[in-house]
Amino acid sequence: MDRIAVTGQKESRSFHIRYLSKMKGKGRSPLHINVKDAITGLIGGFLTIFALIILTKMTSAVWLMAPFGASCVLAFGLWNAPLSQPRNIIGGHFVSTFVGLAFYHFFGDEPWAIGLAVGLAIAVMMLTKTTHPPAGADPLIVMLGHYSWSYLFTPVLIGSVIIVFLALLINNLRSNRNYPTFWI
């Protein structure tokens, strides 16, 4: 019995060491500094958020939500990444917001419902190939903000289309960029 307990302790300790060693990482950041990319990000982020704020001030509708700032990072800073493509920006925000609104209107803003809505939004985005990390915040926004179904269209759908439209215009001004890399 003692020998079994000792063996179990050694295996447990070995597992913990292997598990913790995964967290130390390997090497250095692969990211490179590119001034032209930084300037494109600055211009794209500025013009997109500025346009959405101006639309909000000119109309009675809200055109801006916080996750759109993070979407701009992807659309202009990591324009060629799979999660930065139009399908992902528009589809990810739409799917994730839909899940959040459905949970809010069926279950309210209970902590378990908010947590499950975020988890389900991630799963649905992955299953529909529309994963877009900023959209993971959308259920939080709609559930904590107590939004109605109209939020799905303004600002979410129309705002994400505006982001993609400006990303098409701005990214393709650069000779070394072709945006998008895919639509479907």
C-alpha atoms as a PDB file:
ATOM      1  CA  MET A   1       0.000   0.000   0.000  1.00  0.00           C
ATOM      2  CA  ASP A   2       2.817   2.425   0.838  1.00  0.00           C
ATOM      3  CA  ARG A   3       4.563   1.646  -2.421  1.00  0.00           C
ATOM      4  CA  ILE A   4       1.354   2.415  -4.350  1.00  0.00           C
ATOM      5  CA  ALA A   5       0.922   5.704  -2.505  1.00  0.00           C
ATOM      6  CA  VAL A   6       4.540   6.711  -3.191  1.00  0.00           C
ATOM      7  CA  THR A   7       4.173   5.832  -6.882  1.00  0.00           C
ATOM      8  CA  GLY A   8       0.959   7.851  -7.050  1.00  0.00           C
ATOM      9  CA  GLN A   9       2.675  10.842  -5.439  1.00  0.00           C
ATOM     10  CA  LYS A  10       5.585  10.636  -7.908  1.00  0.00           C
ATOM     11  CA  GLU A  11       3.195  10.462 -10.867  1.00  0.00           C
ATOM     12  CA  SER A  12       1.194  13.377  -9.513  1.00  0.00           C
ATOM     13  CA  ARG A  13       4.350  15.451  -8.969  1.00  0.00           C
ATOM     14  CA  SER A  14       5.564  14.553 -12.473  1.00  0.00           C
ATOM     15  CA  PHE A  15       2.228  15.599 -13.957  1.00  0.00           C
ATOM     16  CA  HIS A  16       2.339  18.938 -12.127  1.00  0.00           C
ATOM     17  CA  ILE A  17       5.903  19.627 -13.274  1.00  0.00           C
ATOM     18  CA  ARG A  18       5.011  18.827 -16.899  1.00  0.00           C
ATOM     19  CA  TYR A  19       1.846  20.930 -16.648  1.00  0.00           C
ATOM     20  CA  LEU A  20       3.607  23.952 -15.153  1.00  0.00           C
ATOM     21  CA  SER A  21       6.547  23.694 -17.576  1.00  0.00           C
ATOM     22  CA  LYS A  22       4.133  24.324 -20.456  1.00  0.00           C
ATOM     23  CA  MET A  23       3.601  27.833 -19.088  1.00  0.00           C
ATOM     24  CA  LYS A  24       7.183  29.055 -19.446  1.00  0.00           C
ATOM     25  CA  GLY A  25       6.890  29.609 -23.210  1.00  0.00           C
ATOM     26  CA  LYS A  26       9.570  29.244 -25.825  1.00  0.00           C
ATOM     27  CA  GLY A  27      11.728  31.883 -27.420  1.00  0.00           C
ATOM     28  CA  ARG A  28      10.819  35.487 -28.117  1.00  0.00           C
ATOM     29  CA  SER A  29       7.928  37.330 -29.680  1.00  0.00           C
ATOM     30  CA  PRO A  30       7.752  36.758 -33.453  1.00  0.00           C
ATOM     31  CA  LEU A  31       6.198  40.200 -33.977  1.00  0.00           C
ATOM     32  CA  HIS A  32       8.197  42.733 -35.957  1.00  0.00           C
ATOM     33  CA  ILE A  33       8.038  46.501 -35.932  1.00  0.00           C
ATOM     34  CA  ASN A  34       6.799  47.952 -39.219  1.00  0.00           C
ATOM     35  CA  VAL A  35       6.206  51.714 -39.239  1.00  0.00           C
ATOM     36  CA  LYS A  36       3.997  51.615 -42.367  1.00  0.00           C
ATOM     37  CA  ASP A  37       1.752  49.001 -40.760  1.00  0.00           C
ATOM     38  CA  ALA A  38       1.551  51.091 -37.590  1.00  0.00           C
ATOM     39  CA  ILE A  39       0.557  54.168 -39.607  1.00  0.00           C
ATOM     40  CA  THR A  40      -2.067  52.157 -41.501  1.00  0.00           C
ATOM     41  CA  GLY A  41      -3.440  50.953 -38.161  1.00  0.00           C
ATOM     42  CA  LEU A  42      -3.511  54.502 -36.847  1.00  0.00           C
ATOM     43  CA  ILE A  43      -5.320  55.855 -39.902  1.00  0.00           C
ATOM     44  CA  GLY A  44      -7.723  52.901 -40.186  1.00  0.00           C
ATOM     45  CA  GLY A  45      -8.632  52.856 -36.510  1.00  0.00           C
ATOM     46  CA  PHE A  46      -9.039  56.630 -36.378  1.00  0.00           C
ATOM     47  CA  LEU A  47     -11.211  56.931 -39.485  1.00  0.00           C
ATOM     48  CA  THR A  48     -13.397  53.946 -38.600  1.00  0.00           C
ATOM     49  CA  ILE A  49     -14.140  54.917 -35.011  1.00  0.00           C
ATOM     50  CA  PHE A  50     -14.465  58.588 -35.989  1.00  0.00           C
ATOM     51  CA  ALA A  51     -17.016  57.664 -38.693  1.00  0.00           C
ATOM     52  CA  LEU A  52     -19.047  55.567 -36.266  1.00  0.00           C
ATOM     53  CA  ILE A  53     -19.042  58.362 -33.668  1.00  0.00           C
ATOM     54  CA  ILE A  54     -20.072  60.959 -36.273  1.00  0.00           C
ATOM     55  CA  LEU A  55     -22.926  58.688 -37.423  1.00  0.00           C
ATOM     56  CA  THR A  56     -24.033  58.351 -33.788  1.00  0.00           C
ATOM     57  CA  LYS A  57     -24.016  62.138 -33.320  1.00  0.00           C
ATOM     58  CA  MET A  58     -25.858  62.765 -36.605  1.00  0.00           C
ATOM     59  CA  THR A  59     -28.619  60.212 -36.046  1.00  0.00           C
ATOM     60  CA  SER A  60     -30.672  58.949 -33.152  1.00  0.00           C
ATOM     61  CA  ALA A  61     -29.050  55.503 -33.415  1.00  0.00           C
ATOM     62  CA  VAL A  62     -26.006  54.139 -31.603  1.00  0.00           C
ATOM     63  CA  TRP A  63     -23.397  53.074 -34.176  1.00  0.00           C
ATOM     64  CA  LEU A  64     -20.491  52.282 -31.880  1.00  0.00           C
ATOM     65  CA  MET A  65     -19.722  49.650 -29.271  1.00  0.00           C
ATOM     66  CA  ALA A  66     -16.451  48.966 -27.456  1.00  0.00           C
ATOM     67  CA  PRO A  67     -15.549  45.683 -29.228  1.00  0.00           C
ATOM     68  CA  PHE A  68     -15.350  47.620 -32.517  1.00  0.00           C
ATOM     69  CA  GLY A  69     -12.092  49.168 -31.307  1.00  0.00           C
ATOM     70  CA  ALA A  70     -10.607  45.693 -30.974  1.00  0.00           C
ATOM     71  CA  SER A  71     -12.031  44.746 -34.384  1.00  0.00           C
ATOM     72  CA  CYS A  72     -10.083  47.689 -35.835  1.00  0.00           C
ATOM     73  CA  VAL A  73      -6.870  46.275 -34.355  1.00  0.00           C
ATOM     74  CA  LEU A  74      -7.474  43.089 -36.323  1.00  0.00           C
ATOM     75  CA  ALA A  75      -8.823  44.722 -39.494  1.00  0.00           C
ATOM     76  CA  PHE A  76      -5.923  47.171 -39.850  1.00  0.00           C
ATOM     77  CA  GLY A  77      -3.108  45.695 -37.754  1.00  0.00           C
ATOM     78  CA  LEU A  78      -3.506  42.000 -38.581  1.00  0.00           C
ATOM     79  CA  TRP A  79      -5.430  42.451 -41.832  1.00  0.00           C
ATOM     80  CA  ASN A  80      -4.272  39.139 -43.361  1.00  0.00           C
ATOM     81  CA  ALA A  81      -5.073  36.931 -40.348  1.00  0.00           C
ATOM     82  CA  PRO A  82      -7.985  34.510 -40.736  1.00  0.00           C
ATOM     83  CA  LEU A  83      -9.873  36.056 -37.798  1.00  0.00           C
ATOM     84  CA  SER A  84      -9.631  39.527 -39.425  1.00  0.00           C
ATOM     85  CA  GLN A  85     -11.524  38.719 -42.597  1.00  0.00           C
ATOM     86  CA  PRO A  86     -14.979  40.130 -43.475  1.00  0.00           C
ATOM     87  CA  ARG A  87     -16.716  36.821 -42.760  1.00  0.00           C
ATOM     88  CA  ASN A  88     -15.249  36.828 -39.271  1.00  0.00           C
ATOM     89  CA  ILE A  89     -15.762  40.495 -38.449  1.00  0.00           C
ATOM     90  CA  ILE A  90     -19.369  40.654 -39.629  1.00  0.00           C
ATOM     91  CA  GLY A  91     -20.373  37.062 -38.892  1.00  0.00           C
ATOM     92  CA  GLY A  92     -18.598  36.885 -35.546  1.00  0.00           C
ATOM     93  CA  HIS A  93     -20.240  40.028 -34.209  1.00  0.00           C
ATOM     94  CA  PHE A  94     -23.641  38.998 -35.572  1.00  0.00           C
ATOM     95  CA  VAL A  95     -23.573  35.431 -34.220  1.00  0.00           C
ATOM     96  CA  SER A  96     -22.167  36.401 -30.838  1.00  0.00           C
ATOM     97  CA  THR A  97     -24.623  39.251 -30.345  1.00  0.00           C
ATOM     98  CA  PHE A  98     -27.519  37.008 -31.385  1.00  0.00           C
ATOM     99  CA  VAL A  99     -26.516  34.457 -28.746  1.00  0.00           C
ATOM    100  CA  GLY A 100     -26.220  37.185 -26.111  1.00  0.00           C
ATOM    101  CA  LEU A 101     -29.607  38.665 -26.973  1.00  0.00           C
ATOM    102  CA  ALA A 102     -31.302  35.260 -27.005  1.00  0.00           C
ATOM    103  CA  PHE A 103     -29.880  34.405 -23.589  1.00  0.00           C
ATOM    104  CA  TYR A 104     -30.775  37.800 -22.181  1.00  0.00           C
ATOM    105  CA  HIS A 105     -34.371  37.652 -23.413  1.00  0.00           C
ATOM    106  CA  PHE A 106     -34.889  34.051 -22.285  1.00  0.00           C
ATOM    107  CA  PHE A 107     -32.869  33.922 -19.045  1.00  0.00           C
ATOM    108  CA  GLY A 108     -32.188  37.517 -18.010  1.00  0.00           C
ATOM    109  CA  ASP A 109     -28.814  38.741 -16.827  1.00  0.00           C
ATOM    110  CA  GLU A 110     -28.098  36.031 -14.273  1.00  0.00           C
ATOM    111  CA  PRO A 111     -24.362  35.350 -13.824  1.00  0.00           C
ATOM    112  CA  TRP A 112     -24.674  31.767 -15.060  1.00  0.00           C
ATOM    113  CA  ALA A 113     -26.566  32.965 -18.171  1.00  0.00           C
ATOM    114  CA  ILE A 114     -23.923  35.574 -18.986  1.00  0.00           C
ATOM    115  CA  GLY A 115     -21.110  33.036 -18.605  1.00  0.00           C
ATOM    116  CA  LEU A 116     -22.919  30.417 -20.650  1.00  0.00           C
ATOM    117  CA  ALA A 117     -23.787  32.970 -23.348  1.00  0.00           C
ATOM    118  CA  VAL A 118     -20.114  33.890 -23.789  1.00  0.00           C
ATOM    119  CA  GLY A 119     -19.102  30.223 -23.904  1.00  0.00           C
ATOM    120  CA  LEU A 120     -21.851  29.356 -26.370  1.00  0.00           C
ATOM    121  CA  ALA A 121     -21.018  32.388 -28.536  1.00  0.00           C
ATOM    122  CA  ILE A 122     -17.426  31.151 -28.769  1.00  0.00           C
ATOM    123  CA  ALA A 123     -18.594  27.652 -29.704  1.00  0.00           C
ATOM    124  CA  VAL A 124     -21.076  28.908 -32.307  1.00  0.00           C
ATOM    125  CA  MET A 125     -18.482  31.228 -33.868  1.00  0.00           C
ATOM    126  CA  MET A 126     -16.067  28.299 -34.111  1.00  0.00           C
ATOM    127  CA  LEU A 127     -18.701  25.994 -35.604  1.00  0.00           C
ATOM    128  CA  THR A 128     -19.720  28.606 -38.197  1.00  0.00           C
ATOM    129  CA  LYS A 129     -16.108  29.576 -39.025  1.00  0.00           C
ATOM    130  CA  THR A 130     -16.813  33.160 -37.959  1.00  0.00           C
ATOM    131  CA  THR A 131     -14.468  33.329 -34.955  1.00  0.00           C
ATOM    132  CA  HIS A 132     -13.595  36.939 -34.175  1.00  0.00           C
ATOM    133  CA  PRO A 133     -12.094  37.503 -30.691  1.00  0.00           C
ATOM    134  CA  PRO A 134     -13.569  40.993 -30.110  1.00  0.00           C
ATOM    135  CA  ALA A 135     -17.041  39.520 -30.678  1.00  0.00           C
ATOM    136  CA  GLY A 136     -16.589  37.400 -27.559  1.00  0.00           C
ATOM    137  CA  ALA A 137     -17.455  40.540 -25.597  1.00  0.00           C
ATOM    138  CA  ASP A 138     -20.757  41.076 -27.404  1.00  0.00           C
ATOM    139  CA  PRO A 139     -22.896  38.886 -25.099  1.00  0.00           C
ATOM    140  CA  LEU A 140     -21.506  40.812 -22.125  1.00  0.00           C
ATOM    141  CA  ILE A 141     -22.363  44.125 -23.763  1.00  0.00           C
ATOM    142  CA  VAL A 142     -25.957  43.202 -24.635  1.00  0.00           C
ATOM    143  CA  MET A 143     -26.741  41.340 -21.429  1.00  0.00           C
ATOM    144  CA  LEU A 144     -25.270  43.867 -19.019  1.00  0.00           C
ATOM    145  CA  GLY A 145     -26.634  46.757 -21.084  1.00  0.00           C
ATOM    146  CA  HIS A 146     -30.112  45.197 -21.271  1.00  0.00           C
ATOM    147  CA  TYR A 147     -30.366  45.811 -25.022  1.00  0.00           C
ATOM    148  CA  SER A 148     -33.281  44.987 -27.306  1.00  0.00           C
ATOM    149  CA  TRP A 149     -33.195  42.954 -30.508  1.00  0.00           C
ATOM    150  CA  SER A 150     -32.657  46.110 -32.577  1.00  0.00           C
ATOM    151  CA  TYR A 151     -29.079  46.215 -31.214  1.00  0.00           C
ATOM    152  CA  LEU A 152     -28.331  43.253 -33.489  1.00  0.00           C
ATOM    153  CA  PHE A 153     -28.736  45.507 -36.514  1.00  0.00           C
ATOM    154  CA  THR A 154     -27.646  48.892 -35.166  1.00  0.00           C
ATOM    155  CA  PRO A 155     -24.868  49.033 -34.148  1.00  0.00           C
ATOM    156  CA  VAL A 156     -23.754  45.410 -34.591  1.00  0.00           C
ATOM    157  CA  LEU A 157     -24.521  44.438 -38.179  1.00  0.00           C
ATOM    158  CA  ILE A 158     -24.300  47.856 -39.808  1.00  0.00           C
ATOM    159  CA  GLY A 159     -21.293  48.888 -37.681  1.00  0.00           C
ATOM    160  CA  SER A 160     -19.345  45.745 -38.548  1.00  0.00           C
ATOM    161  CA  VAL A 161     -20.164  46.241 -42.248  1.00  0.00           C
ATOM    162  CA  ILE A 162     -18.771  49.795 -41.973  1.00  0.00           C
ATOM    163  CA  ILE A 163     -15.583  48.426 -40.396  1.00  0.00           C
ATOM    164  CA  VAL A 164     -15.166  45.973 -43.270  1.00  0.00           C
ATOM    165  CA  PHE A 165     -15.957  48.641 -45.882  1.00  0.00           C
ATOM    166  CA  LEU A 166     -13.295  50.994 -44.497  1.00  0.00           C
ATOM    167  CA  ALA A 167     -10.843  48.096 -44.124  1.00  0.00           C
ATOM    168  CA  LEU A 168     -11.358  47.327 -47.830  1.00  0.00           C
ATOM    169  CA  LEU A 169     -10.674  50.934 -48.796  1.00  0.00           C
ATOM    170  CA  ILE A 170      -7.746  51.631 -46.470  1.00  0.00           C
ATOM    171  CA  ASN A 171      -5.900  48.293 -46.564  1.00  0.00           C
ATOM    172  CA  ASN A 172      -5.951  48.139 -50.354  1.00  0.00           C
ATOM    173  CA  LEU A 173      -4.336  51.581 -50.657  1.00  0.00           C
ATOM    174  CA  ARG A 174      -1.099  49.814 -49.724  1.00  0.00           C
ATOM    175  CA  SER A 175       0.556  48.062 -52.685  1.00  0.00           C
ATOM    176  CA  ASN A 176       1.646  45.099 -50.533  1.00  0.00           C
ATOM    177  CA  ARG A 177      -1.821  44.418 -49.072  1.00  0.00           C
ATOM    178  CA  ASN A 178      -4.734  42.533 -50.593  1.00  0.00           C
ATOM    179  CA  TYR A 179      -7.731  42.640 -48.309  1.00  0.00           C
ATOM    180  CA  PRO A 180      -9.587  40.425 -47.833  1.00  0.00           C
ATOM    181  CA  THR A 181      -7.691  37.188 -48.174  1.00  0.00           C
ATOM    182  CA  PHE A 182     -11.079  35.413 -48.355  1.00  0.00           C
ATOM    183  CA  TRP A 183     -14.783  36.226 -48.205  1.00  0.00           C
ATOM    184  CA  ILE A 184     -16.357  32.827 -47.567  1.00  0.00           C
END
